[in-house]
Amino acid sequence: MAASEQREGIDRPGAGVTQTDAGVIAIVRLRSTEPADEALEHLLAGGITSVEVTLPSPGSLAAVRRWRSRPDVRVGVGTVLCARDAEAAIEAGAQFLVTPTTNLPVLSTATAAGTPVACGALTPTEILLAWESGAWTVKVFPIDAMGGARYIRNLKGPLPDIPLVPTGGVSVATTTEYAEVGCVGVGIGTALVDETTVAEGAWHILTERAATFVAAWEKGRHNG
């Protein structure tokens, strides 16, 4: 039975919103520097439309509260590890949540609140479990450890209808490959937003990187 047949009747917040094309998701993961508004502005200038702010980043929820009202970007919260994390992110206005693992309490909490979840998973069993449990998309993490696009192609055989977002070590070249094999998006972390660039305020670098990743994604979509 195909995944499309198995998912009938599942309450899936966010389905049909950006599920079919999440595109390049910029992951803001910082250790000692708070996310600056200039970072968001320059990511948007490079074509980014989805930003994930990870909870361990200093001032993460404050940034979400500032950014989530903008009409030109969807702002989510990442590294959501438990229901309490999910509740705090939702209260701050997160428009989607991202987990590193297949976390059923987070999925349950988010579904009750009507908030989409890009649920982390790695194996076929985890991916199907996440999807059947109401995930909006499935974040395949860490994809670089599994062989990249080749692994996605293998997953697409038995699970052709589940929207996948590879994350972890994604490069410009592999961004194109993931788009070509039918992924709905990619998560880009330090290759796009890194601590040094933010701390130094070298904002033009974020715009240049963002534009490069977005162009690579569009190239892959065209080739696919």
Protein backbone atom coordinates (compact mmCIF):
# COMPACT_ATOMS: atom_id res chain seq x y z
CA MET A 1 0.00 0.00 0.00
CA ALA A 2 1.39 3.42 -0.95
CA ALA A 3 2.00 6.08 1.65
CA SER A 4 -0.69 8.21 0.00
CA GLU A 5 -3.23 5.48 0.76
CA GLN A 6 -1.99 5.01 4.32
CA ARG A 7 -2.27 8.66 5.30
CA GLU A 8 -6.01 9.14 4.73
CA GLY A 9 -7.71 10.75 7.70
CA ILE A 10 -4.49 11.92 9.35
CA ASP A 11 -4.69 15.34 10.95
CA ARG A 12 -1.72 17.08 9.36
CA PRO A 13 -1.36 20.79 10.22
CA GLY A 14 0.05 22.87 7.40
CA ALA A 15 -0.58 20.35 4.61
CA GLY A 16 -1.07 22.22 1.37
CA VAL A 17 0.50 25.44 2.67
CA THR A 18 4.15 25.05 1.67
CA GLN A 19 4.39 21.30 1.92
CA THR A 20 4.88 20.77 -1.80
CA ASP A 21 7.83 23.17 -1.99
CA ALA A 22 9.51 24.18 1.25
CA GLY A 23 12.56 25.23 -0.79
CA VAL A 24 15.74 26.35 0.94
CA ILE A 25 15.23 26.58 4.70
CA ALA A 26 17.90 28.72 6.38
CA ILE A 27 18.81 27.26 9.77
CA VAL A 28 19.98 29.85 12.29
CA ARG A 29 22.02 27.85 14.79
CA LEU A 30 24.26 30.04 16.93
CA ARG A 31 26.17 29.32 20.15
CA SER A 32 27.06 32.73 21.56
CA THR A 33 25.53 35.35 19.25
CA GLU A 34 21.87 36.35 19.22
CA PRO A 35 20.09 36.29 15.85
CA ALA A 36 20.22 39.84 14.51
CA ASP A 37 17.45 41.37 12.46
CA GLU A 38 20.04 42.23 9.82
CA ALA A 39 20.65 38.51 9.32
CA LEU A 40 17.02 37.98 8.40
CA GLU A 41 16.96 40.99 6.09
CA HIS A 42 19.98 39.79 4.15
CA LEU A 43 18.74 36.20 3.91
CA LEU A 44 15.49 37.50 2.45
CA ALA A 45 17.46 39.66 0.01
CA GLY A 46 19.07 36.46 -1.26
CA GLY A 47 15.71 34.80 -1.89
CA ILE A 48 15.15 32.83 1.33
CA THR A 49 11.49 32.49 2.34
CA SER A 50 11.73 30.03 5.27
CA VAL A 51 13.93 30.43 8.36
CA GLU A 52 14.39 27.99 11.25
CA VAL A 53 15.73 29.46 14.49
CA THR A 54 17.07 26.74 16.77
CA LEU A 55 16.17 26.82 20.45
CA PRO A 56 19.76 26.60 21.77
CA SER A 57 20.60 29.88 19.99
CA PRO A 58 20.69 32.81 22.46
CA GLY A 59 17.53 34.87 22.17
CA SER A 60 15.93 32.39 19.78
CA LEU A 61 12.32 32.86 20.87
CA ALA A 62 12.71 36.63 21.03
CA ALA A 63 13.86 36.56 17.40
CA VAL A 64 10.86 34.44 16.45
CA ARG A 65 8.51 36.93 18.12
CA ARG A 66 10.08 39.78 16.13
CA TRP A 67 10.22 38.01 12.79
CA ARG A 68 7.07 35.95 12.60
CA SER A 69 4.78 38.88 11.75
CA ARG A 70 6.55 39.52 8.45
CA PRO A 71 4.51 38.49 5.40
CA ASP A 72 7.55 37.59 3.28
CA VAL A 73 8.97 34.77 5.41
CA ARG A 74 7.83 31.73 7.37
CA VAL A 75 9.64 31.53 10.71
CA GLY A 76 9.98 28.24 12.54
CA VAL A 77 11.70 26.90 15.63
CA GLY A 78 14.17 24.02 15.47
CA THR A 79 15.84 21.56 17.83
CA VAL A 80 12.46 20.98 19.46
CA LEU A 81 13.10 18.00 21.74
CA CYS A 82 10.00 17.71 23.91
CA ALA A 83 6.41 18.83 24.34
CA ARG A 84 7.52 21.67 26.62
CA ASP A 85 9.85 22.98 23.90
CA ALA A 86 6.97 22.76 21.43
CA GLU A 87 4.65 24.70 23.70
CA ALA A 88 7.21 27.47 24.23
CA ALA A 89 7.86 27.74 20.48
CA ILE A 90 4.18 27.84 19.63
CA GLU A 91 3.56 30.49 22.30
CA ALA A 92 6.32 32.60 20.71
CA GLY A 93 4.52 32.42 17.38
CA ALA A 94 6.46 29.73 15.52
CA GLN A 95 4.84 29.01 12.16
CA PHE A 96 6.38 25.55 12.05
CA LEU A 97 8.49 23.32 14.30
CA VAL A 98 11.52 21.20 13.41
CA THR A 99 12.75 18.19 15.37
CA PRO A 100 16.02 16.26 15.00
CA THR A 101 14.27 13.00 15.91
CA THR A 102 10.96 11.22 15.41
CA ASN A 103 9.31 12.77 18.44
CA LEU A 104 5.70 11.72 18.96
CA PRO A 105 4.98 14.01 21.96
CA VAL A 106 6.07 17.01 19.88
CA LEU A 107 3.89 15.88 16.97
CA SER A 108 0.93 15.45 19.30
CA THR A 109 1.39 18.86 20.91
CA ALA A 110 1.83 20.61 17.58
CA THR A 111 -1.14 18.86 15.98
CA ALA A 112 -3.36 19.97 18.85
CA ALA A 113 -2.20 23.55 18.29
CA GLY A 114 -2.49 23.37 14.50
CA THR A 115 1.24 23.96 14.00
CA PRO A 116 3.11 22.08 11.23
CA VAL A 117 6.14 19.93 12.12
CA ALA A 118 9.10 19.04 9.94
CA CYS A 119 9.84 15.87 11.87
CA GLY A 120 13.35 14.45 11.99
CA ALA A 121 13.84 10.85 10.87
CA LEU A 122 16.53 8.74 9.23
CA THR A 123 15.46 5.17 8.57
CA PRO A 124 12.49 4.11 6.41
CA THR A 125 10.69 2.97 9.57
CA GLU A 126 11.19 6.35 11.29
CA ILE A 127 10.20 8.26 8.15
CA LEU A 128 6.94 6.36 7.74
CA LEU A 129 6.19 6.62 11.46
CA ALA A 130 6.69 10.38 11.40
CA TRP A 131 4.47 10.75 8.34
CA GLU A 132 1.71 8.53 9.70
CA SER A 133 1.87 10.43 13.00
CA GLY A 134 1.01 13.72 11.32
CA ALA A 135 4.31 15.29 10.23
CA TRP A 136 3.97 18.12 7.71
CA THR A 137 7.25 17.10 6.08
CA VAL A 138 10.00 14.69 7.12
CA LYS A 139 13.47 16.05 7.76
CA VAL A 140 15.96 13.34 6.76
CA PHE A 141 18.84 13.89 9.16
CA PRO A 142 21.82 13.59 9.04
CA ILE A 143 21.63 13.04 5.29
CA ASP A 144 25.36 13.42 4.58
CA ALA A 145 26.09 10.38 6.73
CA MET A 146 23.76 8.26 4.59
CA GLY A 147 25.10 8.97 1.13
CA GLY A 148 23.10 12.00 0.12
CA ALA A 149 20.88 11.90 -2.96
CA ARG A 150 21.54 8.21 -3.52
CA TYR A 151 19.89 7.46 -0.18
CA ILE A 152 16.92 9.65 -1.07
CA ARG A 153 16.48 7.77 -4.34
CA ASN A 154 16.38 4.49 -2.44
CA LEU A 155 13.77 5.89 -0.04
CA LYS A 156 11.63 7.19 -2.88
CA GLY A 157 11.09 3.63 -4.14
CA PRO A 158 8.86 2.36 -1.31
CA LEU A 159 7.91 5.82 0.01
CA PRO A 160 7.29 7.94 -3.10
CA ASP A 161 4.68 10.32 -1.69
CA ILE A 162 6.28 11.43 1.57
CA PRO A 163 7.70 14.98 1.30
CA LEU A 164 11.36 14.89 2.34
CA VAL A 165 13.68 17.68 3.48
CA PRO A 166 17.33 16.50 3.61
CA THR A 167 19.34 18.25 6.32
CA GLY A 168 22.89 17.90 7.64
CA GLY A 169 25.95 18.72 5.55
CA VAL A 170 23.94 19.95 2.56
CA SER A 171 26.14 21.80 0.05
CA VAL A 172 25.37 23.91 -3.00
CA ALA A 173 25.98 20.93 -5.29
CA THR A 174 23.86 18.52 -3.28
CA THR A 175 21.07 21.11 -3.05
CA THR A 176 20.66 20.75 -6.80
CA GLU A 177 20.74 16.96 -6.53
CA TYR A 178 18.06 16.88 -3.84
CA ALA A 179 15.77 19.05 -5.92
CA GLU A 180 16.37 16.80 -8.93
CA VAL A 181 15.31 13.66 -7.03
CA GLY A 182 12.06 15.22 -5.86
CA CYS A 183 12.68 16.54 -2.35
CA VAL A 184 10.42 19.41 -1.28
CA GLY A 185 13.19 21.36 0.40
CA VAL A 186 16.60 21.32 2.06
CA GLY A 187 17.77 22.55 5.45
CA ILE A 188 20.99 24.58 5.34
CA GLY A 189 22.85 25.40 8.54
CA THR A 190 26.37 26.72 8.94
CA ALA A 191 27.06 26.64 5.21
CA LEU A 192 24.59 29.51 5.04
CA VAL A 193 24.47 31.15 8.49
CA ASP A 194 27.61 30.76 10.60
CA GLU A 195 28.66 32.24 13.92
CA THR A 196 31.60 34.25 12.59
CA THR A 197 29.66 35.97 9.83
CA VAL A 198 26.87 36.98 12.20
CA ALA A 199 29.27 38.12 14.95
CA GLU A 200 31.24 40.26 12.49
CA GLY A 201 28.12 41.66 10.84
CA ALA A 202 29.30 40.61 7.39
CA TRP A 203 25.71 40.63 6.19
CA HIS A 204 26.46 40.76 2.45
CA ILE A 205 27.96 37.27 2.77
CA LEU A 206 24.58 35.92 3.92
CA THR A 207 22.87 37.45 0.90
CA GLU A 208 25.46 36.00 -1.48
CA ARG A 209 25.24 32.54 0.07
CA ALA A 210 21.45 32.60 0.13
CA ALA A 211 21.27 33.56 -3.53
CA THR A 212 23.69 30.77 -4.44
CA PHE A 213 21.69 28.10 -2.58
CA VAL A 214 18.36 29.33 -3.95
CA ALA A 215 19.76 29.30 -7.50
CA ALA A 216 21.05 25.75 -6.97
CA TRP A 217 17.62 24.66 -5.76
CA GLU A 218 15.84 26.24 -8.73
CA LYS A 219 18.34 24.62 -11.11
CA GLY A 220 17.56 21.21 -9.65
CA ARG A 221 13.81 21.76 -9.83
CA HIS A 222 14.16 22.69 -13.49
CA ASN A 223 16.33 19.65 -14.22
CA GLY A 224 14.05 17.32 -12.31
